[in-house]
Every structure is written in structure tokens, then in C-alpha cells.
Amino acid sequence: MMKIAYLDCFAGISGDMLLGALVDLGVSLDTLKQELLSLGLSGYEITAQRVTRRGISGMKVDVTITGDQPHRHLKDILQILDNSRLSESVKQDAKNIFHLLAEAEGKIHGKVPENVHFHEVGAVDSIIDIVGTLIGLQRLKVEQVYCSPLNVGSGTLHCAHGVMPVPAPATAEILLDTPIYSAGPAVELVTPTGAVMVKYLAKGFGPMPGMILKAVGYGAGDRETQIPNLLRVMLGEEEPCQHLYQHVQGQRVHHEQGHCRNHEHKHA
């Protein structure tokens, strides 16, 4: 049966939250590190630790910059991907995602995508988050991704260009024709990297599709908020609704029959 992943974005999504959820689902951090070496990038460290957000345990993945990073434009990132030893599918998906990100940033700043400058630290973060996520989905053998409507947060945020509204202009541009809403804390809940990954990967947005649930992973965000700052990824096998209903009904009937037998009373 087809393996599917449902991204439950009740507290938004970022690149590191998605990567953290995949590690929580069983993707080996050592395997990720080994495959990411083929990018030929240096001056960063990737770590994972278990944390709790509002009492719920999740995996927090961090990309720490340990050395100077050069200025990178779209062509530089595409060159890094082309020169890597990543699988062709991961390589092509990553290139497509960066094209979408550059198009959105370019439209906001009045530039052609090729002239978009990815900020030094952010570029490495984004490369690791995007490529790491694609490797993780491949390792988990996920064939289709679905996503809930996105809780984007509210308020303002500080970035290289100053104070911006939430969602950030590039995030809003990426999420055109995507169901979004705002609830909970007045902070940024969906980052441009998180937005571009779900926009590219998700086959559809809405309620969870019918599936036989096999595993649940939680990826943690940076801060504690009034709602659990977690991305929940539900991993399952696709099951036609009728078969799913029959399967659950069968289990219920079996349980009820056993329950009745266990509670039979003898009368004098």
C-alpha cells in the first residue's frame, strides 16, 4: 500500500520543525549527516535533542553555523546541488523548491529570481532543512504528502529588512491559493522555508485523508508558546475509505462480542 504523510500544522511549520518530525519518526541523524556531506558545505553543525513543548515530547533539530559563509545567489545553490552526490530525485526536488523560493523573494523585492540574495546564515539553514527533509521522506519511503490548513500566526517579526508583518511578505507570496488562518500566539508560525516545502510537496491541503496510522512524529520549534509549538507528522498507509470503515467496524464488532461474552450472567 502507498505510504503517505500528513502534516498537521496547528502551530505552523518551519524547515527545522519538519526535519525534527522526520527524525522523531525514525530517520537516523547519522544517516542524514552522512548524506548531507555530499553537498560539500562546511562551517555548520547539525544536532538533534528531545525537548517538550507544553508537556508534549518532540525532536528539536538545530543547524548551528560554525564558520564564515559566502554570499549565495540562486545559481550558487543550484551549482551546489548539481555537484552533489545526492539521488537525482532529491537533487531535482531541491532545485525546484529553491526556484519557488527565489521567485517569491524576487517578486517581493522587485528582482528576477537569479538576482535574489540568500542571506549567509539563512542560506545554509535552508539548504540543510530542505535537502535533509527530502532525504528523510525518501528514507521513510513516503510517496505522497498531504497538509492541514496552515496556522500562520500574527503580529510582526524582525528580519534583515526591518520590522515586517506576519506572515512575512515572501511567505504570503508562496502561500497564494493555499488555505491559511491565524490563531494562538502573536508570533511568526510559518517561515518561508516551511511554506515553500509544503507548497511544493503537498498533494493537497485539508482534512487528513483516510489511512491506517503507523507512526506519529513531532518536530519542535524554538520557543514555548501558549499552544504546543510542534509540527505533528502522521505517517500511514493509504486505505480506501470503505475498507478502512470495514476494518474499524470489524474490530469494534469483535471487541463488542468479546465484551458481551465476558459479561454474560447466569440466571437461576
C-alpha atoms as a PDB file:
ATOM      1  CA  MET A   1       0.000   0.000   0.000  1.00  0.00           C
ATOM      2  CA  MET A   2       1.063   3.573  -0.651  1.00  0.00           C
ATOM      3  CA  LYS A   3       2.784   5.285   2.293  1.00  0.00           C
ATOM      4  CA  ILE A   4       1.542   8.802   2.980  1.00  0.00           C
ATOM      5  CA  ALA A   5       2.469  11.573   5.417  1.00  0.00           C
ATOM      6  CA  TYR A   6       0.013  14.125   6.797  1.00  0.00           C
ATOM      7  CA  LEU A   7       1.480  17.371   8.126  1.00  0.00           C
ATOM      8  CA  ASP A   8      -0.656  18.734  10.967  1.00  0.00           C
ATOM      9  CA  CYS A   9       0.347  22.400  11.109  1.00  0.00           C
ATOM     10  CA  PHE A  10      -1.747  23.520  14.101  1.00  0.00           C
ATOM     11  CA  ALA A  11       1.305  25.520  15.286  1.00  0.00           C
ATOM     12  CA  GLY A  12       2.652  26.332  11.828  1.00  0.00           C
ATOM     13  CA  ILE A  13       5.710  24.864  10.140  1.00  0.00           C
ATOM     14  CA  SER A  14       9.384  25.670   9.628  1.00  0.00           C
ATOM     15  CA  GLY A  15      12.167  23.750   7.946  1.00  0.00           C
ATOM     16  CA  ASP A  16      13.723  22.611  11.214  1.00  0.00           C
ATOM     17  CA  MET A  17      10.348  21.530  12.645  1.00  0.00           C
ATOM     18  CA  LEU A  18       9.681  19.324   9.616  1.00  0.00           C
ATOM     19  CA  LEU A  19      13.166  17.842   9.764  1.00  0.00           C
ATOM     20  CA  GLY A  20      12.744  17.267  13.512  1.00  0.00           C
ATOM     21  CA  ALA A  21       9.465  15.412  12.990  1.00  0.00           C
ATOM     22  CA  LEU A  22      11.107  13.099  10.449  1.00  0.00           C
ATOM     23  CA  VAL A  23      13.960  12.361  12.881  1.00  0.00           C
ATOM     24  CA  ASP A  24      11.310  11.646  15.540  1.00  0.00           C
ATOM     25  CA  LEU A  25       9.724   9.190  13.084  1.00  0.00           C
ATOM     26  CA  GLY A  26      12.968   7.245  12.924  1.00  0.00           C
ATOM     27  CA  VAL A  27      15.187   8.886  10.316  1.00  0.00           C
ATOM     28  CA  SER A  28      18.744   8.464  11.598  1.00  0.00           C
ATOM     29  CA  LEU A  29      20.576  11.725  12.282  1.00  0.00           C
ATOM     30  CA  ASP A  30      23.857   9.973  11.442  1.00  0.00           C
ATOM     31  CA  THR A  31      22.438   8.905   8.076  1.00  0.00           C
ATOM     32  CA  LEU A  32      21.301  12.473   7.384  1.00  0.00           C
ATOM     33  CA  LYS A  33      24.725  13.857   8.278  1.00  0.00           C
ATOM     34  CA  GLN A  34      26.438  11.333   6.021  1.00  0.00           C
ATOM     35  CA  GLU A  35      24.230  12.100   3.023  1.00  0.00           C
ATOM     36  CA  LEU A  36      24.454  15.859   3.595  1.00  0.00           C
ATOM     37  CA  LEU A  37      28.248  15.628   3.365  1.00  0.00           C
ATOM     38  CA  SER A  38      27.825  15.154  -0.386  1.00  0.00           C
ATOM     39  CA  LEU A  39      26.763  18.821  -0.620  1.00  0.00           C
ATOM     40  CA  GLY A  40      30.342  19.838   0.080  1.00  0.00           C
ATOM     41  CA  LEU A  41      29.252  22.512   2.578  1.00  0.00           C
ATOM     42  CA  SER A  42      31.362  23.376   5.616  1.00  0.00           C
ATOM     43  CA  GLY A  43      31.055  25.663   8.611  1.00  0.00           C
ATOM     44  CA  TYR A  44      27.874  24.200  10.089  1.00  0.00           C
ATOM     45  CA  GLU A  45      26.830  21.586  12.629  1.00  0.00           C
ATOM     46  CA  ILE A  46      23.511  19.728  12.799  1.00  0.00           C
ATOM     47  CA  THR A  47      22.243  18.424  16.140  1.00  0.00           C
ATOM     48  CA  ALA A  48      19.038  16.901  17.492  1.00  0.00           C
ATOM     49  CA  GLN A  49      17.711  16.740  21.032  1.00  0.00           C
ATOM     50  CA  ARG A  50      14.443  15.704  22.644  1.00  0.00           C
ATOM     51  CA  VAL A  51      12.503  18.579  24.214  1.00  0.00           C
ATOM     52  CA  THR A  52       8.975  19.162  25.490  1.00  0.00           C
ATOM     53  CA  ARG A  53       6.532  21.818  24.381  1.00  0.00           C
ATOM     54  CA  ARG A  54       3.519  22.232  26.671  1.00  0.00           C
ATOM     55  CA  GLY A  55       4.141  18.747  28.046  1.00  0.00           C
ATOM     56  CA  ILE A  56       4.418  17.019  24.648  1.00  0.00           C
ATOM     57  CA  SER A  57       7.740  15.476  23.661  1.00  0.00           C
ATOM     58  CA  GLY A  58       9.244  16.299  20.282  1.00  0.00           C
ATOM     59  CA  MET A  59      12.563  16.381  18.440  1.00  0.00           C
ATOM     60  CA  LYS A  60      14.390  19.705  18.109  1.00  0.00           C
ATOM     61  CA  VAL A  61      16.835  19.854  15.195  1.00  0.00           C
ATOM     62  CA  ASP A  62      19.276  22.765  15.054  1.00  0.00           C
ATOM     63  CA  VAL A  63      21.683  23.867  12.347  1.00  0.00           C
ATOM     64  CA  THR A  64      24.465  25.867  14.012  1.00  0.00           C
ATOM     65  CA  ILE A  65      26.803  27.987  11.903  1.00  0.00           C
ATOM     66  CA  THR A  66      30.406  27.401  12.995  1.00  0.00           C
ATOM     67  CA  GLY A  67      32.297  29.307  10.291  1.00  0.00           C
ATOM     68  CA  ASP A  68      32.038  32.142   7.788  1.00  0.00           C
ATOM     69  CA  GLN A  69      29.612  31.611   4.926  1.00  0.00           C
ATOM     70  CA  PRO A  70      29.833  33.253   1.484  1.00  0.00           C
ATOM     71  CA  HIS A  71      27.075  35.296  -0.114  1.00  0.00           C
ATOM     72  CA  ARG A  72      24.954  32.943  -2.196  1.00  0.00           C
ATOM     73  CA  HIS A  73      22.533  33.572  -5.043  1.00  0.00           C
ATOM     74  CA  LEU A  74      20.197  31.065  -6.657  1.00  0.00           C
ATOM     75  CA  LYS A  75      22.787  29.942  -9.218  1.00  0.00           C
ATOM     76  CA  ASP A  76      25.281  29.204  -6.414  1.00  0.00           C
ATOM     77  CA  ILE A  77      22.817  26.958  -4.602  1.00  0.00           C
ATOM     78  CA  LEU A  78      21.818  25.191  -7.822  1.00  0.00           C
ATOM     79  CA  GLN A  79      25.514  24.596  -8.525  1.00  0.00           C
ATOM     80  CA  ILE A  80      25.990  23.075  -5.058  1.00  0.00           C
ATOM     81  CA  LEU A  81      23.082  20.717  -5.712  1.00  0.00           C
ATOM     82  CA  ASP A  82      24.290  19.798  -9.211  1.00  0.00           C
ATOM     83  CA  ASN A  83      27.765  18.975  -7.907  1.00  0.00           C
ATOM     84  CA  SER A  84      26.468  16.821  -5.050  1.00  0.00           C
ATOM     85  CA  ARG A  85      26.143  13.038  -4.952  1.00  0.00           C
ATOM     86  CA  LEU A  86      22.509  13.205  -3.857  1.00  0.00           C
ATOM     87  CA  SER A  87      19.987  10.976  -5.598  1.00  0.00           C
ATOM     88  CA  GLU A  88      18.581  12.531  -8.770  1.00  0.00           C
ATOM     89  CA  SER A  89      15.080  12.813  -7.291  1.00  0.00           C
ATOM     90  CA  VAL A  90      16.309  14.631  -4.155  1.00  0.00           C
ATOM     91  CA  LYS A  91      18.545  16.863  -6.275  1.00  0.00           C
ATOM     92  CA  GLN A  92      15.746  17.847  -8.678  1.00  0.00           C
ATOM     93  CA  ASP A  93      13.151  18.399  -5.939  1.00  0.00           C
ATOM     94  CA  ALA A  94      15.592  20.613  -4.011  1.00  0.00           C
ATOM     95  CA  LYS A  95      16.311  22.677  -7.130  1.00  0.00           C
ATOM     96  CA  ASN A  96      12.584  23.104  -7.803  1.00  0.00           C
ATOM     97  CA  ILE A  97      11.972  24.205  -4.204  1.00  0.00           C
ATOM     98  CA  PHE A  98      14.756  26.801  -4.339  1.00  0.00           C
ATOM     99  CA  HIS A  99      13.379  28.106  -7.641  1.00  0.00           C
ATOM    100  CA  LEU A 100       9.973  28.637  -5.973  1.00  0.00           C
ATOM    101  CA  LEU A 101      11.610  30.370  -3.013  1.00  0.00           C
ATOM    102  CA  ALA A 102      13.685  32.649  -5.263  1.00  0.00           C
ATOM    103  CA  GLU A 103      10.629  33.517  -7.386  1.00  0.00           C
ATOM    104  CA  ALA A 104       8.667  34.575  -4.290  1.00  0.00           C
ATOM    105  CA  GLU A 105      11.559  36.577  -2.810  1.00  0.00           C
ATOM    106  CA  GLY A 106      12.230  38.140  -6.209  1.00  0.00           C
ATOM    107  CA  LYS A 107       8.638  39.255  -6.650  1.00  0.00           C
ATOM    108  CA  ILE A 108       8.617  40.877  -3.202  1.00  0.00           C
ATOM    109  CA  HIS A 109      11.931  42.700  -3.708  1.00  0.00           C
ATOM    110  CA  GLY A 110      11.433  43.545  -7.385  1.00  0.00           C
ATOM    111  CA  LYS A 111      14.232  41.292  -8.654  1.00  0.00           C
ATOM    112  CA  VAL A 112      14.490  38.438 -11.100  1.00  0.00           C
ATOM    113  CA  PRO A 113      14.938  35.089  -9.272  1.00  0.00           C
ATOM    114  CA  GLU A 114      18.554  34.773 -10.426  1.00  0.00           C
ATOM    115  CA  ASN A 115      19.484  38.000  -8.607  1.00  0.00           C
ATOM    116  CA  VAL A 116      17.910  37.066  -5.277  1.00  0.00           C
ATOM    117  CA  HIS A 117      20.496  37.050  -2.489  1.00  0.00           C
ATOM    118  CA  PHE A 118      20.084  34.366   0.154  1.00  0.00           C
ATOM    119  CA  HIS A 119      21.456  35.727   3.425  1.00  0.00           C
ATOM    120  CA  GLU A 120      24.621  33.954   4.522  1.00  0.00           C
ATOM    121  CA  VAL A 121      23.334  32.066   7.560  1.00  0.00           C
ATOM    122  CA  GLY A 122      19.811  31.600   6.215  1.00  0.00           C
ATOM    123  CA  ALA A 123      21.098  30.030   3.018  1.00  0.00           C
ATOM    124  CA  VAL A 124      22.908  27.217   4.852  1.00  0.00           C
ATOM    125  CA  ASP A 125      19.934  26.690   7.175  1.00  0.00           C
ATOM    126  CA  SER A 126      17.581  26.448   4.220  1.00  0.00           C
ATOM    127  CA  ILE A 127      19.825  24.117   2.216  1.00  0.00           C
ATOM    128  CA  ILE A 128      20.197  21.703   5.146  1.00  0.00           C
ATOM    129  CA  ASP A 129      16.494  21.844   6.091  1.00  0.00           C
ATOM    130  CA  ILE A 130      15.250  21.366   2.529  1.00  0.00           C
ATOM    131  CA  VAL A 131      17.712  18.691   1.437  1.00  0.00           C
ATOM    132  CA  GLY A 132      17.529  16.942   4.822  1.00  0.00           C
ATOM    133  CA  THR A 133      13.733  16.791   4.622  1.00  0.00           C
ATOM    134  CA  LEU A 134      13.821  15.339   1.105  1.00  0.00           C
ATOM    135  CA  ILE A 135      16.340  12.700   2.230  1.00  0.00           C
ATOM    136  CA  GLY A 136      14.171  11.914   5.266  1.00  0.00           C
ATOM    137  CA  LEU A 137      10.991  11.472   3.222  1.00  0.00           C
ATOM    138  CA  GLN A 138      12.883   9.203   0.849  1.00  0.00           C
ATOM    139  CA  ARG A 139      14.260   7.151   3.767  1.00  0.00           C
ATOM    140  CA  LEU A 140      10.743   6.753   5.182  1.00  0.00           C
ATOM    141  CA  LYS A 141       9.517   5.732   1.707  1.00  0.00           C
ATOM    142  CA  VAL A 142       6.811   8.415   1.722  1.00  0.00           C
ATOM    143  CA  GLU A 143       5.088   8.549  -1.662  1.00  0.00           C
ATOM    144  CA  GLN A 144       2.514  11.292  -1.041  1.00  0.00           C
ATOM    145  CA  VAL A 145       2.334  14.246   1.339  1.00  0.00           C
ATOM    146  CA  TYR A 146      -0.866  15.966   2.484  1.00  0.00           C
ATOM    147  CA  CYS A 147      -1.146  19.005   4.721  1.00  0.00           C
ATOM    148  CA  SER A 148      -3.654  20.678   7.024  1.00  0.00           C
ATOM    149  CA  PRO A 149      -4.556  24.356   6.606  1.00  0.00           C
ATOM    150  CA  LEU A 150      -1.634  26.414   7.906  1.00  0.00           C
ATOM    151  CA  ASN A 151      -1.726  28.422  11.130  1.00  0.00           C
ATOM    152  CA  VAL A 152       0.497  31.347  10.125  1.00  0.00           C
ATOM    153  CA  GLY A 153       0.444  33.277  13.420  1.00  0.00           C
ATOM    154  CA  SER A 154       0.119  37.066  13.650  1.00  0.00           C
ATOM    155  CA  GLY A 155       1.875  40.238  14.762  1.00  0.00           C
ATOM    156  CA  THR A 156       5.249  41.385  13.448  1.00  0.00           C
ATOM    157  CA  LEU A 157       8.750  39.968  13.051  1.00  0.00           C
ATOM    158  CA  HIS A 158      12.269  41.387  12.818  1.00  0.00           C
ATOM    159  CA  CYS A 159      14.405  40.467   9.814  1.00  0.00           C
ATOM    160  CA  ALA A 160      17.275  41.859   7.728  1.00  0.00           C
ATOM    161  CA  HIS A 161      14.881  44.322   6.057  1.00  0.00           C
ATOM    162  CA  GLY A 162      13.427  45.627   9.339  1.00  0.00           C
ATOM    163  CA  VAL A 163      10.068  45.010  11.015  1.00  0.00           C
ATOM    164  CA  MET A 164       7.655  43.033   8.831  1.00  0.00           C
ATOM    165  CA  PRO A 165       4.073  41.831   9.257  1.00  0.00           C
ATOM    166  CA  VAL A 166       3.271  38.165   9.895  1.00  0.00           C
ATOM    167  CA  PRO A 167       3.149  36.217   7.675  1.00  0.00           C
ATOM    168  CA  ALA A 168       6.316  37.625   6.120  1.00  0.00           C
ATOM    169  CA  PRO A 169       5.752  39.006   2.594  1.00  0.00           C
ATOM    170  CA  ALA A 170       7.666  36.133   0.950  1.00  0.00           C
ATOM    171  CA  THR A 171       5.704  33.585   2.997  1.00  0.00           C
ATOM    172  CA  ALA A 172       2.394  35.160   1.955  1.00  0.00           C
ATOM    173  CA  GLU A 173       3.505  35.137  -1.688  1.00  0.00           C
ATOM    174  CA  ILE A 174       4.448  31.446  -1.518  1.00  0.00           C
ATOM    175  CA  LEU A 175       1.130  30.551   0.122  1.00  0.00           C
ATOM    176  CA  LEU A 176      -1.130  32.035  -2.563  1.00  0.00           C
ATOM    177  CA  ASP A 177      -4.052  29.644  -3.233  1.00  0.00           C
ATOM    178  CA  THR A 178      -3.259  27.753  -0.011  1.00  0.00           C
ATOM    179  CA  PRO A 179      -5.684  27.572   2.984  1.00  0.00           C
ATOM    180  CA  ILE A 180      -4.288  29.584   5.907  1.00  0.00           C
ATOM    181  CA  TYR A 181      -5.599  31.029   9.180  1.00  0.00           C
ATOM    182  CA  SER A 182      -4.303  32.829  12.267  1.00  0.00           C
ATOM    183  CA  ALA A 183      -4.791  31.545  15.815  1.00  0.00           C
ATOM    184  CA  GLY A 184      -2.853  31.451  19.056  1.00  0.00           C
ATOM    185  CA  PRO A 185       0.323  33.425  19.774  1.00  0.00           C
ATOM    186  CA  ALA A 186       1.176  36.722  18.057  1.00  0.00           C
ATOM    187  CA  VAL A 187       4.393  35.372  16.512  1.00  0.00           C
ATOM    188  CA  GLU A 188       5.566  34.027  13.155  1.00  0.00           C
ATOM    189  CA  LEU A 189       4.470  30.380  12.931  1.00  0.00           C
ATOM    190  CA  VAL A 190       5.149  29.673   9.240  1.00  0.00           C
ATOM    191  CA  THR A 191       8.583  30.558   7.846  1.00  0.00           C
ATOM    192  CA  PRO A 192       9.372  30.994   4.142  1.00  0.00           C
ATOM    193  CA  THR A 193      11.298  27.690   4.142  1.00  0.00           C
ATOM    194  CA  GLY A 194       8.428  25.837   5.809  1.00  0.00           C
ATOM    195  CA  ALA A 195       5.940  27.433   3.424  1.00  0.00           C
ATOM    196  CA  VAL A 196       7.866  26.603   0.251  1.00  0.00           C
ATOM    197  CA  MET A 197       8.374  22.981   1.281  1.00  0.00           C
ATOM    198  CA  VAL A 198       4.698  22.298   1.938  1.00  0.00           C
ATOM    199  CA  LYS A 199       3.667  24.235  -1.170  1.00  0.00           C
ATOM    200  CA  TYR A 200       5.927  22.024  -3.294  1.00  0.00           C
ATOM    201  CA  LEU A 201       5.479  18.697  -1.502  1.00  0.00           C
ATOM    202  CA  ALA A 202       1.791  18.617  -0.561  1.00  0.00           C
ATOM    203  CA  LYS A 203      -0.584  16.872  -2.938  1.00  0.00           C
ATOM    204  CA  GLY A 204      -3.482  18.596  -1.200  1.00  0.00           C
ATOM    205  CA  PHE A 205      -4.497  20.743   1.783  1.00  0.00           C
ATOM    206  CA  GLY A 206      -7.405  19.938   4.082  1.00  0.00           C
ATOM    207  CA  PRO A 207      -8.581  17.228   6.486  1.00  0.00           C
ATOM    208  CA  MET A 208      -6.453  14.147   7.000  1.00  0.00           C
ATOM    209  CA  PRO A 209      -7.024  11.535   4.270  1.00  0.00           C
ATOM    210  CA  GLY A 210      -8.113   8.018   5.178  1.00  0.00           C
ATOM    211  CA  MET A 211      -5.143   5.956   6.287  1.00  0.00           C
ATOM    212  CA  ILE A 212      -4.013   3.156   8.545  1.00  0.00           C
ATOM    213  CA  LEU A 213      -1.909   5.148  11.015  1.00  0.00           C
ATOM    214  CA  LYS A 214       1.525   3.617  11.575  1.00  0.00           C
ATOM    215  CA  ALA A 215       3.571   6.289  13.377  1.00  0.00           C
ATOM    216  CA  VAL A 216       3.430   9.860  14.684  1.00  0.00           C
ATOM    217  CA  GLY A 217       6.389  12.241  14.882  1.00  0.00           C
ATOM    218  CA  TYR A 218       6.700  15.671  16.487  1.00  0.00           C
ATOM    219  CA  GLY A 219       9.158  18.367  15.429  1.00  0.00           C
ATOM    220  CA  ALA A 220       9.710  21.181  17.928  1.00  0.00           C
ATOM    221  CA  GLY A 221      10.010  24.894  17.271  1.00  0.00           C
ATOM    222  CA  ASP A 222      12.356  27.261  19.101  1.00  0.00           C
ATOM    223  CA  ARG A 223      10.117  28.841  21.707  1.00  0.00           C
ATOM    224  CA  GLU A 224       7.416  27.911  24.197  1.00  0.00           C
ATOM    225  CA  THR A 225       4.057  29.443  23.260  1.00  0.00           C
ATOM    226  CA  GLN A 226       0.515  29.176  24.563  1.00  0.00           C
ATOM    227  CA  ILE A 227      -0.086  26.247  22.201  1.00  0.00           C
ATOM    228  CA  PRO A 228       2.367  23.328  21.845  1.00  0.00           C
ATOM    229  CA  ASN A 229       4.992  24.680  19.433  1.00  0.00           C
ATOM    230  CA  LEU A 230       5.164  21.453  17.457  1.00  0.00           C
ATOM    231  CA  LEU A 231       4.618  20.149  13.958  1.00  0.00           C
ATOM    232  CA  ARG A 232       2.880  16.774  14.021  1.00  0.00           C
ATOM    233  CA  VAL A 233       3.523  14.374  11.136  1.00  0.00           C
ATOM    234  CA  MET A 234       1.164  11.398  10.836  1.00  0.00           C
ATOM    235  CA  LEU A 235       2.676   8.539   8.853  1.00  0.00           C
ATOM    236  CA  GLY A 236       0.354   5.884   7.479  1.00  0.00           C
ATOM    237  CA  GLU A 237      -0.649   3.587   4.672  1.00  0.00           C
ATOM    238  CA  GLU A 238      -3.360   4.653   2.263  1.00  0.00           C
ATOM    239  CA  GLU A 239      -6.566   2.725   2.678  1.00  0.00           C
ATOM    240  CA  PRO A 240      -9.778   3.231   0.668  1.00  0.00           C
ATOM    241  CA  CYS A 241     -12.413   4.747   2.944  1.00  0.00           C
ATOM    242  CA  GLN A 242     -14.786   1.798   2.620  1.00  0.00           C
ATOM    243  CA  HIS A 243     -12.101  -0.712   3.530  1.00  0.00           C
ATOM    244  CA  LEU A 244     -10.962   1.498   6.378  1.00  0.00           C
ATOM    245  CA  TYR A 245     -14.525   1.693   7.699  1.00  0.00           C
ATOM    246  CA  GLN A 246     -14.968  -2.068   7.420  1.00  0.00           C
ATOM    247  CA  HIS A 247     -11.623  -2.648   9.165  1.00  0.00           C
ATOM    248  CA  VAL A 248     -12.554  -0.415  12.101  1.00  0.00           C
ATOM    249  CA  GLN A 249     -16.103  -1.792  12.229  1.00  0.00           C
ATOM    250  CA  GLY A 250     -14.746  -5.338  12.275  1.00  0.00           C
ATOM    251  CA  GLN A 251     -12.506  -4.511  15.199  1.00  0.00           C
ATOM    252  CA  ARG A 252     -15.412  -2.904  17.031  1.00  0.00           C
ATOM    253  CA  VAL A 253     -17.750  -5.856  16.460  1.00  0.00           C
ATOM    254  CA  HIS A 254     -15.050  -8.273  17.614  1.00  0.00           C
ATOM    255  CA  HIS A 255     -14.473  -6.159  20.713  1.00  0.00           C
ATOM    256  CA  GLU A 256     -18.216  -5.927  21.463  1.00  0.00           C
ATOM    257  CA  GLN A 257     -18.702  -9.676  21.047  1.00  0.00           C
ATOM    258  CA  GLY A 258     -15.819 -10.342  23.421  1.00  0.00           C
ATOM    259  CA  HIS A 259     -17.192  -7.730  25.801  1.00  0.00           C
ATOM    260  CA  CYS A 260     -20.640  -9.392  25.796  1.00  0.00           C
ATOM    261  CA  ARG A 261     -19.195 -12.864  26.343  1.00  0.00           C
ATOM    262  CA  ASN A 262     -17.127 -11.592  29.253  1.00  0.00           C
ATOM    263  CA  HIS A 263     -20.205 -10.081  30.868  1.00  0.00           C
ATOM    264  CA  GLU A 264     -22.721 -12.920  30.461  1.00  0.00           C
ATOM    265  CA  HIS A 265     -24.715 -13.593  33.622  1.00  0.00           C
ATOM    266  CA  LYS A 266     -26.133 -16.979  34.653  1.00  0.00           C
ATOM    267  CA  HIS A 267     -29.668 -16.940  35.986  1.00  0.00           C
ATOM    268  CA  ALA A 268     -31.088 -19.440  38.465  1.00  0.00           C
END
